[in-house]
Amino acid sequence: MKRILCALALLAWHLVANADVLPPQAADAAERFRNNPGAYDRTDEWCEGRRVDAACQIVGNAFEGGGPGVCERDLNRRDYQIDLHCVRKPAPRIERAIPDGPWQADADVCALAARSDSAAQTVRAQGWLCAEPPVLADRFCKGVAVGQRCVAEVSIDGRVQRFDGVCNHQLDTKGTYFQGRRTLTRPVVSCEPEHPVPASTLKPVSAWRKLFQ
């Protein structure tokens, strides 16, 4: 308990100590986000020319990443811009039934575990590996070779739809925290669309459009 309290105190001191070094645009963006619910600086192609909470439509089917949605804002904390995205509603769900682990820790964590017994104990307790884990397959690609056809089930608002796909080998990632932010990885074979919707691009809003926010 004493160690936890010390860690919390250190974290609080760190936040206070760094509060004054945030760039001015961070406070400005946060204030605009809070005080003007209609303000945004950039928009994706699906919400271009639309207002916050307006309906939008991403091309493609639900498995490919498309479908109906709502234009919602978020505050981008990397460059302190307010972005308007088309967020799919209702959100599709794919139950892939891939086991939760094991996961491979990053090279820095494994190097630390090789030098420190306590770090090694943490790695073992979390079930992390320093070697590449065995390849796992989702329930649609079990017994199916990479590159072969598969059929995925997508649940949308309680209704299940089936879509043709291809079993692809890829690297799954998972964020965690251990002496800093870490990314765990593992190889998986999963049923994926042949033509997924490309990642959206953000476009700055014109000065004229901002006058009406």
N, C-alpha and C. Protein backbone atom coordinates (compact mmCIF):
# COMPACT_ATOMS: atom_id res chain seq x y z
N MET A 1 0.82 -1.20 0.00
CA MET A 1 0.00 0.00 0.00
C MET A 1 0.86 1.26 0.00
N LYS A 2 1.97 1.22 0.78
CA LYS A 2 2.85 2.38 0.84
C LYS A 2 3.44 2.67 -0.53
N ARG A 3 3.83 1.62 -1.25
CA ARG A 3 4.39 1.82 -2.59
C ARG A 3 3.36 2.44 -3.53
N ILE A 4 2.10 1.99 -3.43
CA ILE A 4 1.04 2.53 -4.30
C ILE A 4 0.83 4.01 -4.03
N LEU A 5 0.80 4.38 -2.71
CA LEU A 5 0.60 5.78 -2.35
C LEU A 5 1.74 6.65 -2.85
N CYS A 6 2.96 6.13 -2.74
CA CYS A 6 4.13 6.88 -3.23
C CYS A 6 4.04 7.08 -4.74
N ALA A 7 3.60 6.01 -5.46
CA ALA A 7 3.50 6.11 -6.91
C ALA A 7 2.44 7.13 -7.31
N LEU A 8 1.31 7.15 -6.60
CA LEU A 8 0.26 8.11 -6.91
C LEU A 8 0.72 9.54 -6.64
N ALA A 9 1.46 9.72 -5.53
CA ALA A 9 1.97 11.05 -5.21
C ALA A 9 2.95 11.52 -6.28
N LEU A 10 3.80 10.62 -6.76
CA LEU A 10 4.76 10.97 -7.79
C LEU A 10 4.06 11.34 -9.08
N LEU A 11 3.00 10.59 -9.42
CA LEU A 11 2.25 10.89 -10.64
C LEU A 11 1.59 12.26 -10.54
N ALA A 12 0.99 12.57 -9.38
CA ALA A 12 0.35 13.86 -9.20
C ALA A 12 1.36 15.00 -9.32
N TRP A 13 2.53 14.80 -8.71
CA TRP A 13 3.58 15.83 -8.81
C TRP A 13 4.00 16.03 -10.26
N HIS A 14 4.10 14.93 -11.01
CA HIS A 14 4.52 15.01 -12.41
C HIS A 14 3.50 15.80 -13.23
N LEU A 15 2.20 15.57 -12.98
CA LEU A 15 1.18 16.28 -13.73
C LEU A 15 1.20 17.77 -13.41
N VAL A 16 1.33 18.10 -12.13
CA VAL A 16 1.38 19.50 -11.75
C VAL A 16 2.62 20.18 -12.30
N ALA A 17 3.76 19.50 -12.21
CA ALA A 17 5.02 20.10 -12.66
C ALA A 17 5.02 20.37 -14.14
N ASN A 18 4.25 19.54 -14.92
CA ASN A 18 4.27 19.71 -16.36
C ASN A 18 3.09 20.50 -16.88
N ALA A 19 2.19 20.92 -15.98
CA ALA A 19 0.99 21.64 -16.43
C ALA A 19 1.36 22.95 -17.10
N ASP A 20 2.41 23.63 -16.58
CA ASP A 20 2.76 24.94 -17.10
C ASP A 20 3.56 24.88 -18.38
N VAL A 21 4.02 23.68 -18.79
CA VAL A 21 4.84 23.60 -19.99
C VAL A 21 4.03 23.16 -21.20
N LEU A 22 2.70 22.94 -21.03
CA LEU A 22 1.87 22.61 -22.17
C LEU A 22 1.81 23.80 -23.11
N PRO A 23 1.83 23.57 -24.42
CA PRO A 23 1.76 24.69 -25.36
C PRO A 23 0.42 25.41 -25.25
N PRO A 24 0.39 26.71 -25.54
CA PRO A 24 -0.85 27.49 -25.40
C PRO A 24 -2.00 26.93 -26.23
N GLN A 25 -1.68 26.33 -27.42
CA GLN A 25 -2.75 25.82 -28.27
C GLN A 25 -3.49 24.66 -27.64
N ALA A 26 -2.86 23.97 -26.68
CA ALA A 26 -3.53 22.85 -25.99
C ALA A 26 -4.68 23.38 -25.14
N ALA A 27 -4.41 24.44 -24.36
CA ALA A 27 -5.46 25.03 -23.53
C ALA A 27 -6.54 25.65 -24.39
N ASP A 28 -6.13 26.28 -25.50
CA ASP A 28 -7.10 26.91 -26.40
C ASP A 28 -8.04 25.87 -27.01
N ALA A 29 -7.46 24.74 -27.48
CA ALA A 29 -8.28 23.69 -28.09
C ALA A 29 -9.23 23.07 -27.07
N ALA A 30 -8.73 22.85 -25.85
CA ALA A 30 -9.57 22.26 -24.81
C ALA A 30 -10.72 23.19 -24.46
N GLU A 31 -10.44 24.49 -24.42
CA GLU A 31 -11.49 25.45 -24.08
C GLU A 31 -12.54 25.52 -25.19
N ARG A 32 -12.10 25.52 -26.45
CA ARG A 32 -13.04 25.55 -27.57
C ARG A 32 -13.88 24.28 -27.60
N PHE A 33 -13.25 23.14 -27.32
CA PHE A 33 -13.97 21.86 -27.31
C PHE A 33 -15.05 21.86 -26.23
N ARG A 34 -14.70 22.43 -25.08
CA ARG A 34 -15.62 22.43 -23.94
C ARG A 34 -16.73 23.46 -24.11
N ASN A 35 -16.40 24.65 -24.61
CA ASN A 35 -17.36 25.75 -24.62
C ASN A 35 -18.17 25.87 -25.91
N ASN A 36 -17.68 25.28 -26.99
CA ASN A 36 -18.39 25.36 -28.27
C ASN A 36 -18.63 23.95 -28.80
N PRO A 37 -19.78 23.36 -28.51
CA PRO A 37 -20.04 21.97 -28.93
C PRO A 37 -20.16 21.77 -30.42
N GLY A 38 -20.17 22.88 -31.19
CA GLY A 38 -20.25 22.75 -32.64
C GLY A 38 -18.94 23.02 -33.34
N ALA A 39 -17.86 23.29 -32.59
CA ALA A 39 -16.59 23.68 -33.19
C ALA A 39 -15.76 22.46 -33.59
N TYR A 40 -15.11 22.54 -34.74
CA TYR A 40 -14.13 21.54 -35.16
C TYR A 40 -13.19 22.17 -36.19
N ASP A 41 -11.97 21.66 -36.25
CA ASP A 41 -10.94 22.21 -37.12
C ASP A 41 -10.75 21.40 -38.40
N ARG A 42 -10.97 20.08 -38.30
CA ARG A 42 -10.77 19.20 -39.46
C ARG A 42 -11.93 18.22 -39.53
N THR A 43 -12.14 17.68 -40.70
CA THR A 43 -13.21 16.71 -40.88
C THR A 43 -12.77 15.61 -41.84
N ASP A 44 -13.27 14.40 -41.63
CA ASP A 44 -12.99 13.35 -42.59
C ASP A 44 -13.90 13.51 -43.81
N GLU A 45 -13.67 12.68 -44.83
CA GLU A 45 -14.42 12.85 -46.07
C GLU A 45 -15.91 12.54 -45.92
N TRP A 46 -16.25 11.74 -44.90
CA TRP A 46 -17.64 11.32 -44.72
C TRP A 46 -18.48 12.40 -44.00
N CYS A 47 -17.81 13.30 -43.28
CA CYS A 47 -18.53 14.35 -42.56
C CYS A 47 -18.27 15.73 -43.14
N GLU A 48 -17.61 15.79 -44.28
CA GLU A 48 -17.31 17.09 -44.90
C GLU A 48 -18.61 17.82 -45.23
N GLY A 49 -18.71 19.08 -44.81
CA GLY A 49 -19.90 19.87 -45.06
C GLY A 49 -21.04 19.59 -44.12
N ARG A 50 -20.81 18.73 -43.10
CA ARG A 50 -21.87 18.39 -42.16
C ARG A 50 -21.60 19.02 -40.80
N ARG A 51 -22.63 19.03 -39.97
CA ARG A 51 -22.51 19.54 -38.62
C ARG A 51 -22.31 18.40 -37.63
N VAL A 52 -21.92 18.75 -36.41
CA VAL A 52 -21.78 17.76 -35.34
C VAL A 52 -23.14 17.09 -35.11
N ASP A 53 -23.11 15.77 -34.94
CA ASP A 53 -24.29 14.93 -34.70
C ASP A 53 -25.12 14.69 -35.95
N ALA A 54 -24.64 15.15 -37.12
CA ALA A 54 -25.36 14.88 -38.37
C ALA A 54 -25.14 13.42 -38.77
N ALA A 55 -26.09 12.87 -39.53
CA ALA A 55 -25.94 11.51 -40.05
C ALA A 55 -24.89 11.50 -41.16
N CYS A 56 -24.17 10.39 -41.26
CA CYS A 56 -23.16 10.24 -42.30
C CYS A 56 -23.18 8.79 -42.80
N GLN A 57 -22.49 8.54 -43.90
CA GLN A 57 -22.49 7.20 -44.50
C GLN A 57 -21.09 6.90 -45.03
N ILE A 58 -20.47 5.85 -44.52
CA ILE A 58 -19.16 5.41 -45.01
C ILE A 58 -19.39 4.35 -46.09
N VAL A 59 -18.75 4.50 -47.22
CA VAL A 59 -18.96 3.54 -48.32
C VAL A 59 -18.46 2.16 -47.90
N GLY A 60 -19.08 1.13 -48.44
CA GLY A 60 -18.68 -0.24 -48.12
C GLY A 60 -19.64 -0.86 -47.13
N ASN A 61 -19.56 -2.19 -47.02
CA ASN A 61 -20.44 -2.87 -46.07
C ASN A 61 -19.82 -2.87 -44.67
N ALA A 62 -20.59 -3.42 -43.71
CA ALA A 62 -20.16 -3.37 -42.31
C ALA A 62 -18.87 -4.14 -42.09
N PHE A 63 -18.64 -5.22 -42.82
CA PHE A 63 -17.41 -6.01 -42.67
C PHE A 63 -16.21 -5.25 -43.21
N GLU A 64 -16.42 -4.49 -44.27
CA GLU A 64 -15.33 -3.73 -44.88
C GLU A 64 -14.99 -2.46 -44.10
N GLY A 65 -15.88 -2.07 -43.18
CA GLY A 65 -15.67 -0.84 -42.41
C GLY A 65 -16.62 0.26 -42.77
N GLY A 66 -17.62 -0.04 -43.60
CA GLY A 66 -18.59 0.96 -44.02
C GLY A 66 -19.88 0.87 -43.25
N GLY A 67 -20.83 1.73 -43.64
CA GLY A 67 -22.14 1.71 -43.03
C GLY A 67 -22.55 3.08 -42.53
N PRO A 68 -23.78 3.20 -42.01
CA PRO A 68 -24.28 4.48 -41.51
C PRO A 68 -23.61 4.86 -40.21
N GLY A 69 -23.58 6.16 -39.94
CA GLY A 69 -22.95 6.63 -38.71
C GLY A 69 -23.41 8.03 -38.33
N VAL A 70 -22.72 8.60 -37.37
CA VAL A 70 -23.00 9.93 -36.86
C VAL A 70 -21.69 10.71 -36.79
N CYS A 71 -21.71 11.97 -37.16
CA CYS A 71 -20.51 12.80 -37.12
C CYS A 71 -20.25 13.22 -35.67
N GLU A 72 -19.14 12.75 -35.12
CA GLU A 72 -18.78 13.04 -33.74
C GLU A 72 -17.39 13.66 -33.67
N ARG A 73 -17.18 14.50 -32.65
CA ARG A 73 -15.91 15.21 -32.48
C ARG A 73 -15.00 14.47 -31.50
N ASP A 74 -13.71 14.67 -31.67
CA ASP A 74 -12.76 14.32 -30.62
C ASP A 74 -11.61 15.32 -30.66
N LEU A 75 -10.92 15.43 -29.53
CA LEU A 75 -9.79 16.36 -29.41
C LEU A 75 -8.51 15.59 -29.64
N ASN A 76 -7.84 15.85 -30.75
CA ASN A 76 -6.59 15.17 -31.07
C ASN A 76 -5.48 15.73 -30.19
N ARG A 77 -4.97 14.90 -29.29
CA ARG A 77 -4.00 15.38 -28.30
C ARG A 77 -2.56 15.35 -28.82
N ARG A 78 -2.38 14.96 -30.07
CA ARG A 78 -1.04 15.04 -30.66
C ARG A 78 -0.77 16.42 -31.23
N ASP A 79 -1.79 17.02 -31.85
CA ASP A 79 -1.58 18.34 -32.44
C ASP A 79 -2.65 19.35 -32.02
N TYR A 80 -3.48 18.97 -31.03
CA TYR A 80 -4.44 19.88 -30.42
C TYR A 80 -5.42 20.47 -31.44
N GLN A 81 -5.91 19.59 -32.31
CA GLN A 81 -6.95 19.96 -33.25
C GLN A 81 -8.24 19.23 -32.88
N ILE A 82 -9.37 19.85 -33.16
CA ILE A 82 -10.67 19.20 -32.95
C ILE A 82 -11.09 18.58 -34.27
N ASP A 83 -11.26 17.26 -34.27
CA ASP A 83 -11.56 16.53 -35.49
C ASP A 83 -12.99 16.01 -35.48
N LEU A 84 -13.62 16.03 -36.64
CA LEU A 84 -14.97 15.51 -36.81
C LEU A 84 -14.90 14.23 -37.65
N HIS A 85 -15.33 13.11 -37.06
CA HIS A 85 -15.26 11.80 -37.71
C HIS A 85 -16.66 11.21 -37.86
N CYS A 86 -16.82 10.40 -38.88
CA CYS A 86 -18.03 9.60 -39.02
C CYS A 86 -17.84 8.33 -38.20
N VAL A 87 -18.60 8.19 -37.12
CA VAL A 87 -18.52 7.03 -36.23
C VAL A 87 -19.72 6.14 -36.51
N ARG A 88 -19.46 4.90 -36.85
CA ARG A 88 -20.54 3.99 -37.24
C ARG A 88 -21.50 3.74 -36.07
N LYS A 89 -22.80 3.91 -36.34
CA LYS A 89 -23.85 3.68 -35.36
C LYS A 89 -25.00 2.95 -36.05
N PRO A 90 -25.44 1.82 -35.53
CA PRO A 90 -24.85 1.08 -34.41
C PRO A 90 -23.51 0.46 -34.82
N ALA A 91 -22.61 0.31 -33.84
CA ALA A 91 -21.28 -0.22 -34.11
C ALA A 91 -21.35 -1.72 -34.36
N PRO A 92 -20.78 -2.20 -35.47
CA PRO A 92 -20.75 -3.64 -35.73
C PRO A 92 -19.83 -4.36 -34.73
N ARG A 93 -20.15 -5.61 -34.43
CA ARG A 93 -19.31 -6.43 -33.56
C ARG A 93 -18.97 -7.73 -34.26
N ILE A 94 -17.70 -8.12 -34.15
CA ILE A 94 -17.25 -9.40 -34.70
C ILE A 94 -16.66 -10.21 -33.56
N GLU A 95 -17.32 -11.30 -33.21
CA GLU A 95 -16.83 -12.18 -32.15
C GLU A 95 -15.88 -13.20 -32.77
N ARG A 96 -14.58 -12.93 -32.66
CA ARG A 96 -13.59 -13.78 -33.31
C ARG A 96 -13.16 -14.96 -32.44
N ALA A 97 -13.42 -14.88 -31.13
CA ALA A 97 -13.08 -15.98 -30.22
C ALA A 97 -11.61 -16.35 -30.27
N ILE A 98 -10.74 -15.33 -30.33
CA ILE A 98 -9.30 -15.57 -30.25
C ILE A 98 -8.91 -15.53 -28.77
N PRO A 99 -8.17 -16.52 -28.28
CA PRO A 99 -7.75 -16.49 -26.87
C PRO A 99 -7.02 -15.19 -26.53
N ASP A 100 -7.09 -14.77 -25.28
CA ASP A 100 -6.50 -13.50 -24.88
C ASP A 100 -4.98 -13.51 -24.95
N GLY A 101 -4.36 -14.63 -24.83
CA GLY A 101 -2.90 -14.67 -24.85
C GLY A 101 -2.40 -15.95 -25.48
N PRO A 102 -1.11 -16.16 -25.46
CA PRO A 102 -0.08 -15.28 -24.88
C PRO A 102 0.31 -14.13 -25.82
N TRP A 103 0.97 -13.14 -25.22
CA TRP A 103 1.45 -11.97 -25.96
C TRP A 103 2.97 -11.88 -25.81
N GLN A 104 3.61 -11.27 -26.80
CA GLN A 104 5.05 -11.06 -26.76
C GLN A 104 5.35 -9.64 -26.29
N ALA A 105 6.20 -9.53 -25.26
CA ALA A 105 6.61 -8.21 -24.77
C ALA A 105 7.62 -7.59 -25.73
N ASP A 106 7.78 -6.28 -25.65
CA ASP A 106 8.73 -5.62 -26.55
C ASP A 106 10.16 -5.87 -26.11
N ALA A 107 11.09 -5.51 -26.97
CA ALA A 107 12.51 -5.84 -26.75
C ALA A 107 13.05 -5.17 -25.49
N ASP A 108 12.61 -3.94 -25.19
CA ASP A 108 13.10 -3.24 -24.00
C ASP A 108 12.67 -3.94 -22.72
N VAL A 109 11.42 -4.41 -22.68
CA VAL A 109 10.94 -5.12 -21.50
C VAL A 109 11.70 -6.42 -21.33
N CYS A 110 11.94 -7.13 -22.41
CA CYS A 110 12.66 -8.41 -22.33
C CYS A 110 14.12 -8.20 -21.90
N ALA A 111 14.73 -7.10 -22.37
CA ALA A 111 16.10 -6.79 -21.96
C ALA A 111 16.13 -6.48 -20.47
N LEU A 112 15.12 -5.76 -19.99
CA LEU A 112 15.04 -5.45 -18.57
C LEU A 112 14.82 -6.71 -17.74
N ALA A 113 13.98 -7.62 -18.24
CA ALA A 113 13.71 -8.86 -17.53
C ALA A 113 14.96 -9.74 -17.44
N ALA A 114 15.84 -9.62 -18.44
CA ALA A 114 17.07 -10.40 -18.41
C ALA A 114 18.05 -9.89 -17.35
N ARG A 115 17.90 -8.60 -16.95
CA ARG A 115 18.81 -8.00 -15.98
C ARG A 115 18.23 -7.96 -14.57
N SER A 116 16.89 -7.96 -14.48
CA SER A 116 16.23 -7.74 -13.20
C SER A 116 15.30 -8.90 -12.86
N ASP A 117 15.49 -9.48 -11.67
CA ASP A 117 14.62 -10.57 -11.24
C ASP A 117 13.19 -10.10 -11.04
N SER A 118 13.01 -8.89 -10.50
CA SER A 118 11.65 -8.38 -10.26
C SER A 118 10.92 -8.15 -11.58
N ALA A 119 11.64 -7.61 -12.59
CA ALA A 119 11.02 -7.41 -13.90
C ALA A 119 10.68 -8.76 -14.54
N ALA A 120 11.58 -9.73 -14.40
CA ALA A 120 11.33 -11.06 -14.94
C ALA A 120 10.11 -11.68 -14.28
N GLN A 121 9.96 -11.45 -12.99
CA GLN A 121 8.81 -11.98 -12.26
C GLN A 121 7.51 -11.35 -12.77
N THR A 122 7.54 -10.04 -13.04
CA THR A 122 6.37 -9.36 -13.58
C THR A 122 6.00 -9.90 -14.94
N VAL A 123 7.00 -10.10 -15.80
CA VAL A 123 6.75 -10.64 -17.14
C VAL A 123 6.10 -12.01 -17.05
N ARG A 124 6.61 -12.85 -16.17
CA ARG A 124 6.03 -14.19 -16.00
C ARG A 124 4.61 -14.12 -15.44
N ALA A 125 4.41 -13.23 -14.45
CA ALA A 125 3.09 -13.10 -13.83
C ALA A 125 2.04 -12.62 -14.83
N GLN A 126 2.44 -11.78 -15.77
CA GLN A 126 1.51 -11.27 -16.78
C GLN A 126 1.29 -12.27 -17.90
N GLY A 127 2.12 -13.31 -17.95
CA GLY A 127 1.99 -14.29 -19.02
C GLY A 127 2.59 -13.84 -20.33
N TRP A 128 3.47 -12.82 -20.28
CA TRP A 128 4.11 -12.34 -21.49
C TRP A 128 5.27 -13.25 -21.87
N LEU A 129 5.58 -13.28 -23.16
CA LEU A 129 6.71 -14.06 -23.66
C LEU A 129 7.74 -13.13 -24.26
N CYS A 130 8.98 -13.61 -24.29
CA CYS A 130 10.03 -12.87 -24.99
C CYS A 130 10.40 -13.55 -26.31
N ALA A 131 9.73 -14.65 -26.60
CA ALA A 131 9.83 -15.30 -27.91
C ALA A 131 8.49 -15.13 -28.60
N GLU A 132 8.46 -15.27 -29.91
CA GLU A 132 7.21 -15.09 -30.64
C GLU A 132 6.21 -16.17 -30.25
N PRO A 133 4.99 -15.80 -29.86
CA PRO A 133 3.99 -16.79 -29.47
C PRO A 133 3.55 -17.62 -30.66
N PRO A 134 2.94 -18.77 -30.40
CA PRO A 134 2.39 -19.56 -31.51
C PRO A 134 1.28 -18.80 -32.22
N VAL A 135 1.10 -19.06 -33.50
CA VAL A 135 0.08 -18.37 -34.29
C VAL A 135 -1.30 -18.85 -33.86
N LEU A 136 -2.19 -17.89 -33.60
CA LEU A 136 -3.57 -18.20 -33.23
C LEU A 136 -4.49 -17.85 -34.40
N ALA A 137 -5.59 -18.58 -34.52
CA ALA A 137 -6.56 -18.33 -35.58
C ALA A 137 -7.90 -17.97 -34.96
N ASP A 138 -8.63 -17.07 -35.62
CA ASP A 138 -9.98 -16.78 -35.14
C ASP A 138 -10.90 -17.93 -35.55
N ARG A 139 -12.14 -17.88 -35.07
CA ARG A 139 -13.04 -19.01 -35.28
C ARG A 139 -13.45 -19.19 -36.74
N PHE A 140 -13.26 -18.14 -37.55
CA PHE A 140 -13.62 -18.25 -38.96
C PHE A 140 -12.50 -18.87 -39.80
N CYS A 141 -11.27 -18.88 -39.25
CA CYS A 141 -10.12 -19.38 -40.01
C CYS A 141 -9.49 -20.62 -39.39
N LYS A 142 -10.13 -21.21 -38.40
CA LYS A 142 -9.60 -22.45 -37.82
C LYS A 142 -9.63 -23.56 -38.86
N GLY A 143 -8.48 -24.16 -39.08
CA GLY A 143 -8.38 -25.22 -40.07
C GLY A 143 -8.34 -24.74 -41.50
N VAL A 144 -8.25 -23.42 -41.71
CA VAL A 144 -8.22 -22.84 -43.05
C VAL A 144 -6.84 -22.23 -43.28
N ALA A 145 -6.26 -22.48 -44.43
CA ALA A 145 -4.92 -21.98 -44.74
C ALA A 145 -4.96 -20.49 -45.04
N VAL A 146 -3.82 -19.83 -44.79
CA VAL A 146 -3.69 -18.41 -45.11
C VAL A 146 -3.91 -18.22 -46.61
N GLY A 147 -4.70 -17.23 -46.97
CA GLY A 147 -5.00 -16.95 -48.37
C GLY A 147 -6.26 -17.62 -48.88
N GLN A 148 -6.83 -18.50 -48.06
CA GLN A 148 -8.04 -19.19 -48.48
C GLN A 148 -9.28 -18.40 -48.07
N ARG A 149 -10.41 -18.75 -48.67
CA ARG A 149 -11.65 -18.05 -48.41
C ARG A 149 -12.19 -18.39 -47.02
N CYS A 150 -12.94 -17.45 -46.46
CA CYS A 150 -13.59 -17.65 -45.17
C CYS A 150 -14.90 -16.87 -45.16
N VAL A 151 -15.73 -17.13 -44.18
CA VAL A 151 -17.00 -16.41 -44.03
C VAL A 151 -17.06 -15.85 -42.61
N ALA A 152 -17.12 -14.55 -42.50
CA ALA A 152 -17.17 -13.90 -41.19
C ALA A 152 -18.60 -13.54 -40.82
N GLU A 153 -18.88 -13.56 -39.53
CA GLU A 153 -20.18 -13.17 -39.03
C GLU A 153 -20.06 -11.83 -38.31
N VAL A 154 -20.90 -10.89 -38.72
CA VAL A 154 -20.88 -9.54 -38.15
C VAL A 154 -22.25 -9.27 -37.52
N SER A 155 -22.24 -8.90 -36.25
CA SER A 155 -23.47 -8.60 -35.54
C SER A 155 -23.72 -7.09 -35.57
N ILE A 156 -24.89 -6.70 -36.09
CA ILE A 156 -25.24 -5.28 -36.19
C ILE A 156 -26.60 -5.10 -35.53
N ASP A 157 -26.59 -4.43 -34.39
CA ASP A 157 -27.84 -4.17 -33.67
C ASP A 157 -28.62 -5.45 -33.41
N GLY A 158 -27.90 -6.51 -33.04
CA GLY A 158 -28.51 -7.78 -32.71
C GLY A 158 -28.78 -8.70 -33.88
N ARG A 159 -28.57 -8.22 -35.11
CA ARG A 159 -28.78 -9.06 -36.29
C ARG A 159 -27.42 -9.51 -36.82
N VAL A 160 -27.31 -10.79 -37.16
CA VAL A 160 -26.06 -11.36 -37.65
C VAL A 160 -26.08 -11.42 -39.17
N GLN A 161 -25.03 -10.85 -39.78
CA GLN A 161 -24.87 -10.92 -41.23
C GLN A 161 -23.56 -11.64 -41.53
N ARG A 162 -23.51 -12.33 -42.66
CA ARG A 162 -22.33 -13.08 -43.07
C ARG A 162 -21.71 -12.46 -44.31
N PHE A 163 -20.37 -12.36 -44.29
CA PHE A 163 -19.65 -11.74 -45.39
C PHE A 163 -18.46 -12.62 -45.79
N ASP A 164 -18.21 -12.70 -47.09
CA ASP A 164 -17.04 -13.44 -47.58
C ASP A 164 -15.77 -12.65 -47.29
N GLY A 165 -14.71 -13.38 -46.95
CA GLY A 165 -13.43 -12.75 -46.68
C GLY A 165 -12.28 -13.68 -47.03
N VAL A 166 -11.09 -13.31 -46.59
CA VAL A 166 -9.88 -14.09 -46.84
C VAL A 166 -9.11 -14.22 -45.52
N CYS A 167 -8.57 -15.39 -45.27
CA CYS A 167 -7.76 -15.60 -44.06
C CYS A 167 -6.39 -14.97 -44.24
N ASN A 168 -6.11 -13.95 -43.46
CA ASN A 168 -4.85 -13.21 -43.56
C ASN A 168 -4.01 -13.41 -42.30
N HIS A 169 -2.70 -13.51 -42.50
CA HIS A 169 -1.75 -13.57 -41.40
C HIS A 169 -1.33 -12.14 -41.08
N GLN A 170 -1.48 -11.73 -39.83
CA GLN A 170 -1.14 -10.37 -39.45
C GLN A 170 -0.67 -10.32 -38.00
N LEU A 171 -0.17 -9.16 -37.61
CA LEU A 171 0.34 -8.97 -36.26
C LEU A 171 -0.71 -8.23 -35.44
N ASP A 172 -1.21 -8.89 -34.41
CA ASP A 172 -2.18 -8.28 -33.50
C ASP A 172 -1.42 -7.49 -32.44
N THR A 173 -1.96 -6.36 -32.02
CA THR A 173 -1.29 -5.52 -31.02
C THR A 173 -2.23 -5.21 -29.86
N LYS A 174 -1.62 -4.93 -28.72
CA LYS A 174 -2.38 -4.60 -27.51
C LYS A 174 -1.55 -3.65 -26.66
N GLY A 175 -2.15 -2.55 -26.24
CA GLY A 175 -1.45 -1.59 -25.41
C GLY A 175 -1.47 -2.00 -23.94
N THR A 176 -0.39 -1.70 -23.24
CA THR A 176 -0.32 -1.96 -21.80
C THR A 176 0.62 -0.94 -21.17
N TYR A 177 0.78 -1.02 -19.86
CA TYR A 177 1.66 -0.09 -19.16
C TYR A 177 2.57 -0.86 -18.23
N PHE A 178 3.89 -0.72 -18.45
CA PHE A 178 4.90 -1.30 -17.57
C PHE A 178 6.14 -0.44 -17.68
N GLN A 179 6.36 0.41 -16.68
CA GLN A 179 7.45 1.39 -16.71
C GLN A 179 7.37 2.21 -18.02
N GLY A 180 6.19 2.68 -18.30
CA GLY A 180 5.93 3.41 -19.53
C GLY A 180 4.95 2.64 -20.41
N ARG A 181 4.44 3.31 -21.42
CA ARG A 181 3.50 2.66 -22.33
C ARG A 181 4.21 1.63 -23.20
N ARG A 182 3.59 0.46 -23.34
CA ARG A 182 4.18 -0.64 -24.10
C ARG A 182 3.16 -1.17 -25.10
N THR A 183 3.67 -1.84 -26.13
CA THR A 183 2.81 -2.50 -27.10
C THR A 183 3.17 -3.98 -27.15
N LEU A 184 2.20 -4.82 -26.83
CA LEU A 184 2.37 -6.26 -26.91
C LEU A 184 1.94 -6.72 -28.30
N THR A 185 2.54 -7.80 -28.78
CA THR A 185 2.23 -8.29 -30.12
C THR A 185 2.03 -9.80 -30.11
N ARG A 186 1.35 -10.28 -31.12
CA ARG A 186 1.20 -11.73 -31.33
C ARG A 186 0.75 -11.95 -32.77
N PRO A 187 1.18 -13.04 -33.40
CA PRO A 187 0.74 -13.34 -34.76
C PRO A 187 -0.63 -14.03 -34.73
N VAL A 188 -1.51 -13.63 -35.63
CA VAL A 188 -2.83 -14.24 -35.71
C VAL A 188 -3.20 -14.44 -37.18
N VAL A 189 -4.11 -15.36 -37.40
CA VAL A 189 -4.74 -15.54 -38.70
C VAL A 189 -6.21 -15.24 -38.51
N SER A 190 -6.71 -14.25 -39.23
CA SER A 190 -8.10 -13.83 -39.05
C SER A 190 -8.77 -13.59 -40.39
N CYS A 191 -10.08 -13.71 -40.38
CA CYS A 191 -10.88 -13.51 -41.59
C CYS A 191 -11.05 -12.01 -41.80
N GLU A 192 -10.55 -11.52 -42.92
CA GLU A 192 -10.55 -10.08 -43.20
C GLU A 192 -11.18 -9.81 -44.57
N PRO A 193 -11.75 -8.61 -44.76
CA PRO A 193 -12.33 -8.27 -46.06
C PRO A 193 -11.25 -8.13 -47.13
N GLU A 194 -11.59 -8.48 -48.34
CA GLU A 194 -10.64 -8.31 -49.45
C GLU A 194 -10.40 -6.84 -49.76
N HIS A 195 -11.43 -6.03 -49.58
CA HIS A 195 -11.32 -4.61 -49.93
C HIS A 195 -11.80 -3.76 -48.75
N PRO A 196 -10.99 -3.65 -47.71
CA PRO A 196 -11.41 -2.83 -46.57
C PRO A 196 -11.49 -1.36 -46.94
N VAL A 197 -12.33 -0.63 -46.21
CA VAL A 197 -12.43 0.82 -46.43
C VAL A 197 -11.08 1.46 -46.08
N PRO A 198 -10.50 2.26 -46.98
CA PRO A 198 -9.22 2.92 -46.66
C PRO A 198 -9.36 3.82 -45.44
N ALA A 199 -8.24 4.02 -44.77
CA ALA A 199 -8.23 4.93 -43.63
C ALA A 199 -8.69 6.32 -44.08
N SER A 200 -9.52 6.95 -43.27
CA SER A 200 -10.05 8.27 -43.63
C SER A 200 -8.93 9.32 -43.57
N THR A 201 -9.11 10.37 -44.34
CA THR A 201 -8.16 11.48 -44.35
C THR A 201 -8.86 12.72 -43.80
N LEU A 202 -8.12 13.50 -43.03
CA LEU A 202 -8.68 14.69 -42.41
C LEU A 202 -8.35 15.92 -43.25
N LYS A 203 -9.35 16.77 -43.43
CA LYS A 203 -9.20 17.97 -44.24
C LYS A 203 -9.52 19.19 -43.38
N PRO A 204 -8.65 20.20 -43.39
CA PRO A 204 -8.94 21.41 -42.60
C PRO A 204 -10.23 22.08 -43.05
N VAL A 205 -10.95 22.62 -42.09
CA VAL A 205 -12.20 23.33 -42.38
C VAL A 205 -11.85 24.75 -42.84
N SER A 206 -12.57 25.23 -43.83
CA SER A 206 -12.30 26.58 -44.34
C SER A 206 -12.67 27.64 -43.32
N ALA A 207 -12.04 28.78 -43.46
CA ALA A 207 -12.31 29.90 -42.55
C ALA A 207 -13.79 30.32 -42.66
N TRP A 208 -14.35 30.25 -43.88
CA TRP A 208 -15.76 30.61 -44.07
C TRP A 208 -16.65 29.65 -43.30
N ARG A 209 -16.34 28.36 -43.34
CA ARG A 209 -17.16 27.37 -42.63
C ARG A 209 -17.08 27.59 -41.12
N LYS A 210 -15.91 27.98 -40.65
CA LYS A 210 -15.74 28.18 -39.21
C LYS A 210 -16.59 29.34 -38.68
N LEU A 211 -16.92 30.28 -39.55
CA LEU A 211 -17.74 31.40 -39.10
C LEU A 211 -19.11 30.95 -38.62
N PHE A 212 -19.56 29.78 -39.10
CA PHE A 212 -20.92 29.33 -38.79
C PHE A 212 -20.92 28.23 -37.72
N GLN A 213 -19.76 27.99 -37.10
CA GLN A 213 -19.70 26.99 -36.03
C GLN A 213 -20.15 27.59 -34.71
